[in-house]
C-alpha atoms as a PDB file:
ATOM      1  CA  UNK A   1     -15.238 -19.379  -8.272  1.00  0.00           C
ATOM      2  CA  UNK A   2     -11.761 -17.601  -8.250  1.00  0.00           C
ATOM      3  CA  UNK A   3     -10.407 -14.204  -9.559  1.00  0.00           C
ATOM      4  CA  UNK A   4      -8.215 -14.825 -12.295  1.00  0.00           C
ATOM      5  CA  UNK A   5      -4.464 -14.874 -12.184  1.00  0.00           C
ATOM      6  CA  UNK A   6      -2.608 -11.469 -13.205  1.00  0.00           C
ATOM      7  CA  UNK A   7      -3.738  -9.085 -10.523  1.00  0.00           C
ATOM      8  CA  UNK A   8      -2.023  -7.650  -7.678  1.00  0.00           C
ATOM      9  CA  UNK A   9      -4.237  -5.878  -4.547  1.00  0.00           C
ATOM     10  CA  UNK A  10      -2.814  -2.895  -3.196  1.00  0.00           C
ATOM     11  CA  UNK A  11      -3.672  -0.024  -1.176  1.00  0.00           C
ATOM     12  CA  UNK A  12      -2.898   2.920  -2.610  1.00  0.00           C
ATOM     13  CA  UNK A  13      -3.386   6.281  -0.596  1.00  0.00           C
ATOM     14  CA  UNK A  14      -6.314   4.576   1.116  1.00  0.00           C
ATOM     15  CA  UNK A  15      -7.706   3.129  -1.843  1.00  0.00           C
ATOM     16  CA  UNK A  16      -7.541  -0.173  -2.853  1.00  0.00           C
ATOM     17  CA  UNK A  17      -6.435  -1.573  -6.478  1.00  0.00           C
ATOM     18  CA  UNK A  18      -6.551  -4.356  -8.024  1.00  0.00           C
ATOM     19  CA  UNK A  19      -3.566  -3.619 -10.778  1.00  0.00           C
ATOM     20  CA  UNK A  20      -3.059  -6.116 -13.726  1.00  0.00           C
ATOM     21  CA  UNK A  21       0.594  -7.512 -14.229  1.00  0.00           C
ATOM     22  CA  UNK A  22       1.991  -9.228 -16.622  1.00  0.00           C
ATOM     23  CA  UNK A  23      -0.031 -10.733 -19.501  1.00  0.00           C
ATOM     24  CA  UNK A  24      -3.362  -9.033 -18.084  1.00  0.00           C
ATOM     25  CA  UNK A  25      -1.903  -5.608 -18.492  1.00  0.00           C
ATOM     26  CA  UNK A  26      -2.649  -6.055 -22.366  1.00  0.00           C
ATOM     27  CA  UNK A  27      -6.158  -7.076 -21.332  1.00  0.00           C
ATOM     28  CA  UNK A  28      -7.091  -4.984 -18.561  1.00  0.00           C
ATOM     29  CA  UNK A  29      -6.375  -1.209 -19.331  1.00  0.00           C
ATOM     30  CA  UNK A  30      -5.630   0.589 -15.910  1.00  0.00           C
ATOM     31  CA  UNK A  31      -6.646  -0.117 -12.615  1.00  0.00           C
ATOM     32  CA  UNK A  32      -9.411  -1.569 -10.786  1.00  0.00           C
ATOM     33  CA  UNK A  33     -10.652   0.327  -8.000  1.00  0.00           C
ATOM     34  CA  UNK A  34     -12.360  -1.163  -4.750  1.00  0.00           C
ATOM     35  CA  UNK A  35     -14.071  -0.239  -1.859  1.00  0.00           C
ATOM     36  CA  UNK A  36     -13.308  -1.739   1.427  1.00  0.00           C
ATOM     37  CA  UNK A  37     -16.025  -4.681   0.787  1.00  0.00           C
ATOM     38  CA  UNK A  38     -14.800  -5.171  -2.686  1.00  0.00           C
ATOM     39  CA  UNK A  39     -11.568  -5.631  -1.474  1.00  0.00           C
ATOM     40  CA  UNK A  40     -12.467  -8.431   1.062  1.00  0.00           C
ATOM     41  CA  UNK A  41     -14.261  -9.984  -1.510  1.00  0.00           C
ATOM     42  CA  UNK A  42     -11.527 -10.137  -3.977  1.00  0.00           C
ATOM     43  CA  UNK A  43      -8.926 -11.446  -1.217  1.00  0.00           C
ATOM     44  CA  UNK A  44     -11.573 -14.221  -0.642  1.00  0.00           C
ATOM     45  CA  UNK A  45     -11.920 -14.744  -4.578  1.00  0.00           C
ATOM     46  CA  UNK A  46      -8.210 -14.841  -4.799  1.00  0.00           C
ATOM     47  CA  UNK A  47      -8.037 -18.124  -2.188  1.00  0.00           C
ATOM     48  CA  UNK A  48     -10.417 -19.747  -5.119  1.00  0.00           C
ATOM     49  CA  UNK A  49     -12.964 -22.295  -5.089  1.00  0.00           C
ATOM     50  CA  UNK A  50     -15.478 -19.986  -3.315  1.00  0.00           C
ATOM     51  CA  UNK A  51     -18.956 -19.869  -3.795  1.00  0.00           C
ATOM     52  CA  UNK A  52     -21.335 -16.530  -3.565  1.00  0.00           C
ATOM     53  CA  UNK A  53     -22.911 -18.037  -0.586  1.00  0.00           C
ATOM     54  CA  UNK A  54     -19.342 -18.782   1.023  1.00  0.00           C
ATOM     55  CA  UNK A  55     -18.492 -15.500   0.109  1.00  0.00           C
ATOM     56  CA  UNK A  56     -21.880 -14.100   1.826  1.00  0.00           C
ATOM     57  CA  UNK A  57     -21.040 -15.989   5.169  1.00  0.00           C
ATOM     58  CA  UNK A  58     -17.360 -14.846   5.219  1.00  0.00           C
ATOM     59  CA  UNK A  59     -18.755 -11.133   5.075  1.00  0.00           C
ATOM     60  CA  UNK A  60     -21.370 -11.591   7.155  1.00  0.00           C
ATOM     61  CA  UNK A  61     -18.795 -12.953   9.935  1.00  0.00           C
ATOM     62  CA  UNK A  62     -16.415 -10.506   9.111  1.00  0.00           C
ATOM     63  CA  UNK A  63     -18.585  -7.082   9.443  1.00  0.00           C
ATOM     64  CA  UNK A  64     -21.411  -8.983  12.020  1.00  0.00           C
ATOM     65  CA  UNK A  65     -23.971  -8.013   9.293  1.00  0.00           C
ATOM     66  CA  UNK A  66     -27.277  -9.739   8.264  1.00  0.00           C
ATOM     67  CA  UNK A  67     -27.044 -12.047   5.245  1.00  0.00           C
ATOM     68  CA  UNK A  68     -30.308  -9.588   3.906  1.00  0.00           C
ATOM     69  CA  UNK A  69     -27.600  -6.776   3.826  1.00  0.00           C
ATOM     70  CA  UNK A  70     -24.545  -8.411   2.280  1.00  0.00           C
ATOM     71  CA  UNK A  71     -26.010 -10.980  -0.333  1.00  0.00           C
ATOM     72  CA  UNK A  72     -27.109  -8.171  -2.673  1.00  0.00           C
ATOM     73  CA  UNK A  73     -23.504  -6.609  -2.606  1.00  0.00           C
ATOM     74  CA  UNK A  74     -21.616  -9.888  -3.239  1.00  0.00           C
ATOM     75  CA  UNK A  75     -23.915 -10.768  -5.853  1.00  0.00           C
ATOM     76  CA  UNK A  76     -23.874  -7.167  -7.846  1.00  0.00           C
ATOM     77  CA  UNK A  77     -19.584  -7.508  -7.410  1.00  0.00           C
ATOM     78  CA  UNK A  78     -19.272 -10.736  -8.704  1.00  0.00           C
ATOM     79  CA  UNK A  79     -21.906 -10.061 -11.712  1.00  0.00           C
ATOM     80  CA  UNK A  80     -19.312  -6.965 -12.426  1.00  0.00           C
ATOM     81  CA  UNK A  81     -16.431  -9.385 -12.583  1.00  0.00           C
ATOM     82  CA  UNK A  82     -18.092 -12.049 -14.508  1.00  0.00           C
ATOM     83  CA  UNK A  83     -18.821  -8.923 -17.093  1.00  0.00           C
ATOM     84  CA  UNK A  84     -15.259  -7.758 -17.390  1.00  0.00           C
ATOM     85  CA  UNK A  85     -14.247 -11.603 -17.593  1.00  0.00           C
ATOM     86  CA  UNK A  86     -12.156 -11.553 -14.537  1.00  0.00           C
ATOM     87  CA  UNK A  87     -13.354 -14.682 -13.140  1.00  0.00           C
ATOM     88  CA  UNK A  88     -13.059 -18.554 -13.424  1.00  0.00           C
ATOM     89  CA  UNK A  89     -15.810 -20.467 -12.382  1.00  0.00           C
END
């Protein structure tokens, strides 16, 4: 899966934001606020070709946390992106 094109990930005043640009401005109103974990997942999804399992593995390595702690957050986050139509499968 991959985040659809047309977004820039930026840190603004200490907060992570996915900013729609170009044609995405007409489809997505406003900014998408992300926490640190959400921004890490977003960066991985920008690269494309990632499964949820690969996202979990990458975050476990990055944060030094157990799969049981990371997997629910990844599942929840990707489900929200899917519901908003922001992912390409």
